[in-house]
Amino acid sequence: MSDNKITTASGQPWADNNHSQTAGVRGPVLLQDYQLQEKLAHFNRERIPERVVHAKGAGAYGTFKLTHDMSKYTRADLFNGVGKETPIFLRFSQVAGEAGYPDTLRDVRGVALRFYTQEGNYDIVGNNTPVFFINDPLKFPDFIHSQKRDPRTHLRDNNMQWDFWAHSPESVHQVTYLMGDRGNPASYRTMNGYGSHTYKWVNKDGEAYWIKYHFISQQGVKNMTDEVATKAAGEDTDYLLHDLFDAIEQKNYPSWKVYVQILPYEEGLHYKHDIFDVTKVVSHKDYPLVEVGEFTLNENPTNYFEDVEEAAFAPANLVPGIEPSLDKLLQGRLFAYTDAARYRLGANYEQLKVNRPLNEVKNYERDGFMSQGHGGEVNYEPNGKNGPTEDLSARIHGDQLDGQTGNYEPYEPDNYSDAGALYNVMSEDEKKRLVKTIKENLGIVDDENVKILETKQFYQADPDYGTRVAQALGLKIEDIKD
């Protein structure tokens, strides 16, 4: 006799899953039908709040293999010992749209990578771009509001995002990247990823280095035009999700090389650009890419909700030997991501399978919604009951600070030179497509002042860049030179 029988959540046998208990053939339905109550009540609660940003995405499991020992720069266990393998989970996503929004339309793509290390989970939460639109966490809610829906019409509105960008000149580097070819990747498999922020590595001798992560697609970088993206969205709103899932199912496992740029501690503090400003990059000529390893995605989720929707990444998930930098936006994200997860999934979200570390968790946090795994052990510290104690070897490497508290402008006022440098590494065809894309997006904005403000930024990045955009939009050149 088969044991494959339906039960309630409490394990009781379920006799009929198709017909409610009723008073007679025609009803009414009986309140005593607790199986009906359970089914409807659970159904009402199947959806959790979607992510405020990066709501739509795709994920997969895989393995990271260390190809170059990094012990000279960091004592982080996963980067020590050539050949070491670490299980990973990676989620790709779109920034702006909701969970049901087409995933091929032009947007920044999120790249959130989790390493399940022997010292706890280590998360790198970045994008497919090496920079971002803003460099201060105080502006983040306003930025996201500008990307979402108009509070009056409930429609996404180009006027909102360009208005924000035009009044936030630090965004011009990322806007140039987004409006360029790489703003529309052909698939998740054919785009690079970046940690974007600067992080700190510390070796066993207490020596510190600044590093930036680069994940280079081994499938090559391939993009799609807006026309192709719109056609794909009309045929399959989950095009990118579909592509990744199918590739892995067909054992066409995608992989990325992991590289870092390494800056000696003092050199980084005095670099020609502010390395803690996420709107700027560190030149590869000054600090070339250094290979660390390679990761491969080779296992699709068995249950999308449990593996992808309940995944909660956070830049605050660090391991010994890897620490935050002075990057203001990163500092804000250390709090914001974990706080968002506690709101969305509950205080014990880290007990969920996809968020659970490999090593045993020992602390004095207790109770809350869906708490599990705790016995009657001591729940306070200090104590004399043999409870877990601090690990002094996990102390962070301190940074020397000085100055007066206050609300400060960015350390480095140059918002434009990096955008100009990006423009000038583009081929002539890329430049033409960039200007065409800007025209099609900025050109439909209602406010002429927004067009002028934004085009002034392009002009300050590079006169040729701004002049071409002005001509495409029908603006007077003298208006953007002021």
Protein backbone atom coordinates (compact mmCIF):
# COMPACT_ATOMS: atom_id res chain seq x y z
CA MET A 1 0.00 0.00 0.00
CA SER A 2 1.39 3.39 -0.95
CA ASP A 3 2.29 5.91 1.79
CA ASN A 4 1.96 8.78 -0.68
CA LYS A 5 -1.20 10.12 0.95
CA ILE A 6 -2.33 13.73 1.44
CA THR A 7 -2.24 15.00 5.02
CA THR A 8 -2.92 18.30 6.74
CA ALA A 9 0.05 20.40 7.85
CA SER A 10 -0.29 18.70 11.23
CA GLY A 11 -0.09 15.26 9.65
CA GLN A 12 -3.72 14.13 9.83
CA PRO A 13 -5.01 12.07 6.87
CA TRP A 14 -6.96 14.07 4.30
CA ALA A 15 -9.90 12.09 2.95
CA ASP A 16 -11.20 14.36 0.19
CA ASN A 17 -9.22 17.18 -1.45
CA ASN A 18 -11.88 18.01 -4.02
CA HIS A 19 -15.15 18.39 -2.13
CA SER A 20 -15.92 20.54 0.92
CA GLN A 21 -18.03 19.26 3.81
CA THR A 22 -21.56 20.60 3.39
CA ALA A 23 -24.97 20.30 5.03
CA GLY A 24 -26.56 18.17 2.37
CA VAL A 25 -25.72 17.90 -1.32
CA ARG A 26 -26.37 21.57 -2.05
CA GLY A 27 -24.81 23.06 1.09
CA PRO A 28 -24.12 25.35 2.84
CA VAL A 29 -20.46 24.65 3.69
CA LEU A 30 -19.76 23.62 7.28
CA LEU A 31 -17.49 25.61 9.59
CA GLN A 32 -16.25 22.29 11.01
CA ASP A 33 -14.40 21.52 7.75
CA TYR A 34 -11.00 22.35 9.21
CA GLN A 35 -9.23 20.99 6.10
CA LEU A 36 -11.02 23.58 3.98
CA GLN A 37 -10.11 26.26 6.53
CA GLU A 38 -6.45 25.23 6.50
CA LYS A 39 -6.26 25.17 2.71
CA LEU A 40 -7.85 28.61 2.24
CA ALA A 41 -6.01 30.21 5.18
CA HIS A 42 -2.64 28.98 3.96
CA PHE A 43 -3.41 30.04 0.39
CA ASN A 44 -4.14 33.56 1.66
CA ARG A 45 -0.64 33.65 3.13
CA GLU A 46 1.36 32.06 0.32
CA ARG A 47 2.84 35.35 -0.83
CA ILE A 48 5.42 37.22 1.16
CA PRO A 49 6.24 40.88 0.44
CA GLU A 50 8.34 41.09 -2.69
CA ARG A 51 11.70 42.81 -2.52
CA VAL A 52 11.45 46.60 -2.69
CA VAL A 53 14.19 46.48 -5.32
CA HIS A 54 15.52 43.52 -7.30
CA ALA A 55 12.06 41.94 -7.01
CA LYS A 56 12.36 39.77 -10.12
CA GLY A 57 15.20 37.37 -10.54
CA ALA A 58 16.57 33.92 -11.20
CA GLY A 59 18.95 31.83 -9.15
CA ALA A 60 21.07 28.70 -9.21
CA TYR A 61 23.52 26.73 -7.11
CA GLY A 62 27.08 25.96 -8.05
CA THR A 63 30.71 25.73 -6.97
CA PHE A 64 33.57 28.19 -6.64
CA LYS A 65 37.08 26.80 -7.16
CA LEU A 66 40.14 28.73 -6.00
CA THR A 67 42.81 28.79 -8.72
CA HIS A 68 45.24 31.23 -7.09
CA ASP A 69 46.11 31.36 -3.40
CA MET A 70 45.30 34.73 -1.87
CA SER A 71 46.77 34.17 1.60
CA LYS A 72 49.27 36.99 1.00
CA TYR A 73 46.32 39.39 0.98
CA THR A 74 43.56 37.81 3.09
CA ARG A 75 43.17 35.16 5.75
CA ALA A 76 39.64 34.37 4.53
CA ASP A 77 39.58 30.57 4.38
CA LEU A 78 37.76 30.30 1.04
CA PHE A 79 40.59 32.24 -0.65
CA ASN A 80 43.41 30.19 0.92
CA GLY A 81 44.66 26.96 -0.67
CA VAL A 82 44.69 26.40 -4.43
CA GLY A 83 42.02 23.95 -5.54
CA LYS A 84 39.72 24.61 -2.59
CA GLU A 85 36.05 24.35 -3.57
CA THR A 86 33.21 26.25 -1.92
CA PRO A 87 29.49 25.75 -2.62
CA ILE A 88 27.71 28.88 -3.83
CA PHE A 89 24.27 30.25 -4.61
CA LEU A 90 23.81 33.11 -7.06
CA ARG A 91 20.78 35.26 -7.80
CA PHE A 92 20.47 37.52 -10.84
CA SER A 93 17.80 40.20 -10.86
CA GLN A 94 16.35 43.42 -12.26
CA VAL A 95 16.53 46.56 -10.11
CA ALA A 96 13.36 48.48 -10.87
CA GLY A 97 10.47 46.30 -12.04
CA GLU A 98 8.12 44.24 -9.91
CA ALA A 99 8.16 40.45 -9.75
CA GLY A 100 5.97 40.12 -12.85
CA TYR A 101 7.73 42.78 -14.93
CA PRO A 102 9.42 41.73 -18.21
CA ASP A 103 13.03 40.91 -17.48
CA THR A 104 14.54 41.94 -20.83
CA LEU A 105 13.77 45.67 -20.68
CA ARG A 106 16.71 48.02 -20.11
CA ASP A 107 17.71 48.04 -16.47
CA VAL A 108 20.66 47.39 -14.20
CA ARG A 109 20.95 43.70 -13.34
CA GLY A 110 21.73 42.55 -9.82
CA VAL A 111 24.40 39.90 -9.22
CA ALA A 112 24.20 38.53 -5.66
CA LEU A 113 26.72 35.79 -4.89
CA ARG A 114 26.79 33.70 -1.71
CA PHE A 115 29.71 31.52 -0.65
CA TYR A 116 28.82 28.84 1.92
CA THR A 117 32.19 28.88 3.66
CA GLN A 118 33.49 27.00 6.70
CA GLU A 119 33.45 30.33 8.58
CA GLY A 120 29.87 31.31 7.74
CA ASN A 121 28.11 32.79 4.73
CA TYR A 122 29.99 35.36 2.68
CA ASP A 123 27.85 37.48 0.34
CA ILE A 124 28.97 39.79 -2.47
CA VAL A 125 25.91 41.81 -3.47
CA GLY A 126 26.69 43.72 -6.66
CA ASN A 127 25.46 44.42 -10.18
CA ASN A 128 26.42 43.90 -13.80
CA THR A 129 27.94 47.38 -13.66
CA PRO A 130 31.13 48.41 -11.84
CA VAL A 131 29.54 51.66 -10.58
CA PHE A 132 26.22 52.94 -9.25
CA PHE A 133 23.96 56.00 -9.61
CA ILE A 134 24.57 57.53 -6.17
CA ASN A 135 27.29 57.53 -3.52
CA ASP A 136 25.35 58.34 -0.34
CA PRO A 137 22.79 56.01 1.32
CA LEU A 138 20.59 58.96 2.25
CA LYS A 139 19.64 59.31 -1.43
CA PHE A 140 18.84 55.65 -2.03
CA PRO A 141 15.09 55.69 -1.18
CA ASP A 142 14.60 58.75 -3.39
CA PHE A 143 16.51 57.13 -6.24
CA ILE A 144 14.39 53.99 -6.07
CA HIS A 145 11.17 56.02 -5.86
CA SER A 146 12.19 57.68 -9.13
CA GLN A 147 12.55 54.26 -10.77
CA LYS A 148 9.23 52.90 -9.55
CA ARG A 149 5.66 53.99 -10.27
CA ASP A 150 4.20 57.49 -10.22
CA PRO A 151 2.13 57.84 -7.02
CA ARG A 152 -0.71 59.48 -8.94
CA THR A 153 -0.91 57.48 -12.18
CA HIS A 154 0.69 54.26 -10.87
CA LEU A 155 2.66 54.11 -14.13
CA ARG A 156 6.39 53.92 -14.61
CA ASP A 157 7.46 57.28 -15.93
CA ASN A 158 10.63 58.33 -17.74
CA ASN A 159 10.06 61.85 -16.44
CA MET A 160 10.69 60.70 -12.87
CA GLN A 161 13.98 58.88 -13.41
CA TRP A 162 15.49 61.49 -15.73
CA ASP A 163 14.41 64.26 -13.36
CA PHE A 164 16.29 62.51 -10.55
CA TRP A 165 19.36 61.82 -12.70
CA ALA A 166 19.46 65.36 -14.07
CA HIS A 167 19.55 66.72 -10.51
CA SER A 168 22.10 64.11 -9.36
CA PRO A 169 25.22 64.69 -11.47
CA GLU A 170 27.08 61.86 -9.74
CA SER A 171 24.80 59.49 -11.68
CA VAL A 172 26.16 60.37 -15.15
CA HIS A 173 28.75 57.55 -15.17
CA GLN A 174 26.16 54.87 -14.43
CA VAL A 175 23.60 56.46 -16.77
CA THR A 176 26.17 56.26 -19.58
CA TYR A 177 26.76 52.61 -18.78
CA LEU A 178 23.02 51.85 -18.59
CA MET A 179 22.20 53.61 -21.87
CA GLY A 180 25.10 51.87 -23.62
CA ASP A 181 25.14 48.39 -25.11
CA ARG A 182 25.73 46.65 -21.79
CA GLY A 183 22.55 48.10 -20.35
CA ASN A 184 20.67 45.31 -22.15
CA PRO A 185 22.45 41.95 -21.67
CA ALA A 186 21.32 39.15 -23.99
CA SER A 187 21.23 36.76 -21.05
CA TYR A 188 22.38 36.45 -17.46
CA ARG A 189 25.01 34.01 -18.74
CA THR A 190 26.55 36.58 -21.07
CA MET A 191 27.13 39.51 -18.73
CA ASN A 192 29.88 40.31 -16.27
CA GLY A 193 29.31 40.96 -12.59
CA TYR A 194 30.98 43.35 -10.17
CA GLY A 195 31.17 43.80 -6.43
CA SER A 196 31.05 47.53 -7.32
CA HIS A 197 32.14 48.72 -3.85
CA THR A 198 35.67 48.68 -2.50
CA TYR A 199 36.24 46.11 0.25
CA LYS A 200 39.09 45.44 2.64
CA TRP A 201 41.11 42.23 2.77
CA VAL A 202 43.29 41.53 5.82
CA ASN A 203 45.94 38.80 5.96
CA LYS A 204 47.03 36.70 8.95
CA ASP A 205 49.72 39.27 9.83
CA GLY A 206 47.16 42.08 10.09
CA GLU A 207 48.19 43.75 6.83
CA ALA A 208 45.29 45.33 4.96
CA TYR A 209 44.56 45.80 1.25
CA TRP A 210 41.71 47.41 -0.65
CA ILE A 211 40.09 45.22 -3.31
CA LYS A 212 37.40 45.38 -5.98
CA TYR A 213 35.66 42.27 -7.38
CA HIS A 214 35.13 41.46 -11.06
CA PHE A 215 33.25 38.39 -12.36
CA ILE A 216 34.05 37.87 -16.04
CA SER A 217 31.64 35.75 -18.06
CA GLN A 218 33.33 32.78 -19.76
CA GLN A 219 30.48 32.76 -22.26
CA GLY A 220 31.56 36.18 -23.50
CA VAL A 221 29.60 39.41 -23.18
CA LYS A 222 26.57 39.60 -25.45
CA ASN A 223 23.86 42.23 -25.50
CA MET A 224 20.54 42.85 -27.23
CA THR A 225 19.05 45.92 -28.84
CA ASP A 226 15.97 47.61 -27.42
CA GLU A 227 13.98 46.28 -30.37
CA VAL A 228 15.00 42.68 -29.68
CA ALA A 229 14.44 43.17 -25.93
CA THR A 230 10.91 44.50 -26.51
CA LYS A 231 10.09 41.61 -28.86
CA ALA A 232 11.40 39.10 -26.31
CA ALA A 233 9.34 40.74 -23.55
CA GLY A 234 6.21 40.38 -25.65
CA GLU A 235 6.86 36.70 -26.26
CA ASP A 236 8.16 35.69 -22.84
CA THR A 237 8.18 38.04 -19.83
CA ASP A 238 10.54 35.59 -18.11
CA TYR A 239 12.99 35.36 -20.99
CA LEU A 240 16.20 35.72 -18.97
CA LEU A 241 14.99 33.41 -16.21
CA HIS A 242 13.99 30.85 -18.84
CA ASP A 243 17.37 31.07 -20.58
CA LEU A 244 19.37 30.43 -17.41
CA PHE A 245 17.16 27.57 -16.25
CA ASP A 246 17.22 25.84 -19.63
CA ALA A 247 20.99 26.16 -20.00
CA ILE A 248 21.59 24.47 -16.64
CA GLU A 249 18.96 21.78 -17.30
CA GLN A 250 20.76 21.00 -20.56
CA LYS A 251 24.06 20.80 -18.64
CA ASN A 252 25.38 23.85 -20.47
CA TYR A 253 26.77 25.15 -17.20
CA PRO A 254 27.73 28.84 -17.26
CA SER A 255 30.89 29.98 -15.51
CA TRP A 256 32.64 33.20 -14.52
CA LYS A 257 36.28 33.93 -13.70
CA VAL A 258 36.71 35.80 -10.42
CA TYR A 259 39.28 38.59 -10.44
CA VAL A 260 40.20 41.34 -8.00
CA GLN A 261 42.02 44.62 -8.20
CA ILE A 262 44.35 44.88 -5.21
CA LEU A 263 45.45 48.25 -3.82
CA PRO A 264 47.95 48.50 -0.95
CA TYR A 265 46.27 50.16 2.02
CA GLU A 266 48.05 53.51 2.02
CA GLU A 267 48.18 53.75 -1.77
CA GLY A 268 44.43 53.29 -1.89
CA LEU A 269 43.85 56.13 0.55
CA HIS A 270 45.84 58.46 -1.71
CA TYR A 271 44.73 57.20 -5.12
CA LYS A 272 43.95 59.86 -7.74
CA HIS A 273 40.23 59.11 -7.38
CA ASP A 274 38.21 58.38 -4.24
CA ILE A 275 38.17 54.56 -4.17
CA PHE A 276 35.30 54.67 -1.65
CA ASP A 277 32.99 56.48 -4.07
CA VAL A 278 30.94 53.83 -5.89
CA THR A 279 30.25 56.19 -8.81
CA LYS A 280 33.95 55.90 -9.76
CA VAL A 281 36.25 53.11 -10.91
CA VAL A 282 39.88 52.19 -10.32
CA SER A 283 41.86 52.08 -13.56
CA HIS A 284 42.93 48.63 -14.73
CA LYS A 285 46.13 50.22 -15.98
CA ASP A 286 46.99 51.32 -12.46
CA TYR A 287 45.84 48.10 -10.76
CA PRO A 288 45.39 45.20 -13.20
CA LEU A 289 42.98 42.34 -12.62
CA VAL A 290 44.39 39.49 -10.55
CA GLU A 291 42.79 36.07 -11.02
CA VAL A 292 41.38 34.42 -7.89
CA GLY A 293 39.23 31.55 -9.12
CA GLU A 294 36.19 30.50 -11.09
CA PHE A 295 32.62 29.68 -10.23
CA THR A 296 30.19 27.54 -12.18
CA LEU A 297 26.41 27.28 -11.89
CA ASN A 298 25.37 23.65 -12.23
CA GLU A 299 22.16 23.10 -10.24
CA ASN A 300 18.74 24.66 -10.71
CA PRO A 301 16.45 25.35 -7.74
CA THR A 302 14.26 22.44 -6.71
CA ASN A 303 11.68 24.89 -5.42
CA TYR A 304 11.87 28.48 -6.67
CA PHE A 305 10.17 29.95 -3.61
CA GLU A 306 12.43 28.25 -1.08
CA ASP A 307 15.66 28.64 -3.01
CA VAL A 308 15.29 32.00 -4.76
CA GLU A 309 12.41 33.99 -3.27
CA GLU A 310 13.44 33.28 0.33
CA ALA A 311 17.13 33.94 -0.33
CA ALA A 312 18.30 36.96 1.65
CA PHE A 313 21.72 38.31 0.68
CA ALA A 314 23.47 41.05 2.63
CA PRO A 315 26.78 42.91 2.27
CA ALA A 316 27.00 42.54 6.06
CA ASN A 317 27.59 38.79 5.63
CA LEU A 318 31.37 38.92 5.89
CA VAL A 319 33.94 36.37 7.07
CA PRO A 320 37.24 36.86 8.95
CA GLY A 321 39.78 38.42 6.62
CA ILE A 322 37.17 40.41 4.64
CA GLU A 323 35.82 43.71 5.97
CA PRO A 324 33.85 46.76 4.80
CA SER A 325 35.56 49.88 3.52
CA LEU A 326 34.79 53.54 4.15
CA ASP A 327 32.35 53.57 1.20
CA LYS A 328 29.31 55.51 2.46
CA LEU A 329 26.80 53.66 0.30
CA LEU A 330 28.22 50.31 1.39
CA GLN A 331 28.00 51.38 5.02
CA GLY A 332 24.29 52.10 4.55
CA ARG A 333 23.73 48.75 2.81
CA LEU A 334 25.25 46.87 5.75
CA PHE A 335 22.11 47.78 7.71
CA ALA A 336 19.50 48.09 4.97
CA TYR A 337 19.73 44.58 3.51
CA THR A 338 19.42 42.69 6.77
CA ASP A 339 16.65 45.00 7.92
CA ALA A 340 14.74 44.38 4.66
CA ALA A 341 15.10 40.63 5.13
CA ARG A 342 13.75 40.75 8.68
CA TYR A 343 10.72 42.68 7.45
CA ARG A 344 10.13 40.46 4.43
CA LEU A 345 10.91 37.04 5.88
CA GLY A 346 10.90 37.46 9.66
CA ALA A 347 13.50 37.73 12.38
CA ASN A 348 14.67 34.13 11.88
CA TYR A 349 15.16 34.29 8.10
CA GLU A 350 18.70 32.97 8.46
CA GLN A 351 17.30 29.63 9.62
CA LEU A 352 15.73 29.07 6.17
CA LYS A 353 17.54 26.48 4.08
CA VAL A 354 19.01 28.81 1.45
CA ASN A 355 20.24 31.25 4.11
CA ARG A 356 21.57 28.66 6.57
CA PRO A 357 25.39 28.55 6.89
CA LEU A 358 27.34 25.30 6.70
CA ASN A 359 28.90 25.72 10.12
CA GLU A 360 26.95 25.45 13.37
CA VAL A 361 25.33 28.66 14.60
CA LYS A 362 25.88 29.53 18.27
CA ASN A 363 24.57 32.75 19.79
CA TYR A 364 22.10 34.12 22.31
CA GLU A 365 19.38 35.22 19.90
CA ARG A 366 16.10 33.52 20.73
CA ASP A 367 12.47 33.15 19.78
CA GLY A 368 10.48 35.29 17.33
CA PHE A 369 8.35 34.04 14.43
CA MET A 370 9.27 30.56 13.17
CA SER A 371 12.14 30.09 15.62
CA GLN A 372 13.54 26.57 15.61
CA GLY A 373 16.53 24.55 16.67
CA HIS A 374 16.94 25.94 20.19
CA GLY A 375 16.85 23.82 23.31
CA GLY A 376 17.01 24.83 26.93
CA GLU A 377 20.56 26.09 26.83
CA VAL A 378 21.54 29.38 28.45
CA ASN A 379 20.20 32.42 26.58
CA TYR A 380 22.26 35.24 28.13
CA GLU A 381 25.91 36.28 28.29
CA PRO A 382 28.15 36.60 30.21
CA ASN A 383 27.32 33.41 32.04
CA GLY A 384 28.91 30.65 34.08
CA LYS A 385 27.08 27.86 32.26
CA ASN A 386 29.60 27.04 29.54
CA GLY A 387 27.80 29.08 26.87
CA PRO A 388 29.54 30.07 23.64
CA THR A 389 32.23 32.71 24.00
CA GLU A 390 33.82 35.36 21.79
CA ASP A 391 36.43 34.49 19.18
CA LEU A 392 39.06 37.19 19.59
CA SER A 393 40.74 36.18 16.33
CA ALA A 394 37.75 37.62 14.46
CA ARG A 395 38.53 41.20 15.51
CA ILE A 396 38.43 43.63 12.60
CA HIS A 397 41.37 45.63 11.28
CA GLY A 398 40.79 49.19 12.49
CA ASP A 399 40.98 52.29 10.29
CA GLN A 400 42.47 55.53 11.57
CA LEU A 401 39.75 58.20 11.56
CA ASP A 402 39.74 61.92 12.24
CA GLY A 403 37.53 64.88 11.51
CA GLN A 404 34.42 66.61 12.71
CA THR A 405 30.96 65.10 12.44
CA GLY A 406 28.70 66.73 9.88
CA ASN A 407 26.79 66.33 6.62
CA TYR A 408 29.46 66.46 3.92
CA GLU A 409 29.52 66.75 0.15
CA PRO A 410 31.35 63.90 -1.62
CA TYR A 411 35.08 63.82 -0.89
CA GLU A 412 35.90 64.16 -4.58
CA PRO A 413 33.78 66.66 -6.57
CA ASP A 414 34.60 65.27 -10.03
CA ASN A 415 31.42 63.56 -11.25
CA TYR A 416 32.27 63.55 -14.94
CA SER A 417 35.73 62.31 -15.92
CA ASP A 418 34.93 58.60 -15.45
CA ALA A 419 31.83 58.92 -17.63
CA GLY A 420 33.96 60.64 -20.26
CA ALA A 421 36.55 57.87 -20.08
CA LEU A 422 33.81 55.26 -20.52
CA TYR A 423 32.44 57.12 -23.54
CA ASN A 424 35.88 57.26 -25.12
CA VAL A 425 36.53 53.51 -24.91
CA MET A 426 33.37 52.89 -26.96
CA SER A 427 33.64 52.24 -30.68
CA GLU A 428 32.01 54.68 -33.06
CA ASP A 429 29.07 52.29 -33.55
CA GLU A 430 28.65 51.99 -29.78
CA LYS A 431 28.63 55.77 -29.42
CA LYS A 432 25.92 56.06 -32.07
CA ARG A 433 23.78 53.44 -30.32
CA LEU A 434 24.33 55.17 -26.98
CA VAL A 435 23.12 58.52 -28.32
CA LYS A 436 20.17 56.84 -30.06
CA THR A 437 19.13 55.13 -26.81
CA ILE A 438 19.41 58.39 -24.84
CA LYS A 439 17.33 60.16 -27.49
CA GLU A 440 14.61 57.51 -27.29
CA ASN A 441 14.48 57.67 -23.49
CA LEU A 442 15.41 61.24 -22.52
CA GLY A 443 13.75 62.59 -25.64
CA ILE A 444 10.24 61.77 -24.42
CA VAL A 445 10.66 63.65 -21.14
CA ASP A 446 8.22 66.54 -20.82
CA ASP A 447 10.43 69.02 -18.98
CA GLU A 448 12.88 70.79 -21.30
CA ASN A 449 14.99 71.85 -18.33
CA VAL A 450 15.58 68.20 -17.41
CA LYS A 451 16.84 67.52 -20.94
CA ILE A 452 19.19 70.49 -20.73
CA LEU A 453 20.48 69.61 -17.24
CA GLU A 454 21.19 66.01 -18.20
CA THR A 455 22.82 66.93 -21.50
CA LYS A 456 25.05 69.44 -19.69
CA GLN A 457 26.35 66.48 -17.67
CA PHE A 458 27.10 64.52 -20.84
CA TYR A 459 28.90 67.59 -22.22
CA GLN A 460 31.01 67.94 -19.07
CA ALA A 461 31.89 64.26 -19.30
CA ASP A 462 33.01 64.80 -22.90
CA PRO A 463 32.17 67.68 -25.26
CA ASP A 464 31.61 65.32 -28.20
CA TYR A 465 29.26 63.20 -26.09
CA GLY A 466 27.18 66.18 -24.99
CA THR A 467 27.15 67.76 -28.44
CA ARG A 468 25.85 64.59 -30.08
CA VAL A 469 23.09 64.21 -27.49
CA ALA A 470 22.13 67.89 -27.83
CA GLN A 471 21.88 67.55 -31.59
CA ALA A 472 19.80 64.39 -31.26
CA LEU A 473 17.41 66.14 -28.85
CA GLY A 474 17.29 69.37 -30.83
CA LEU A 475 18.85 71.43 -28.05
CA LYS A 476 20.94 74.56 -28.56
CA ILE A 477 24.63 73.94 -28.01
CA GLU A 478 25.02 77.22 -26.12
CA ASP A 479 22.42 76.04 -23.59
CA ILE A 480 24.49 73.01 -22.56
CA LYS A 481 27.83 74.83 -22.38
CA ASP A 482 26.83 77.17 -19.52
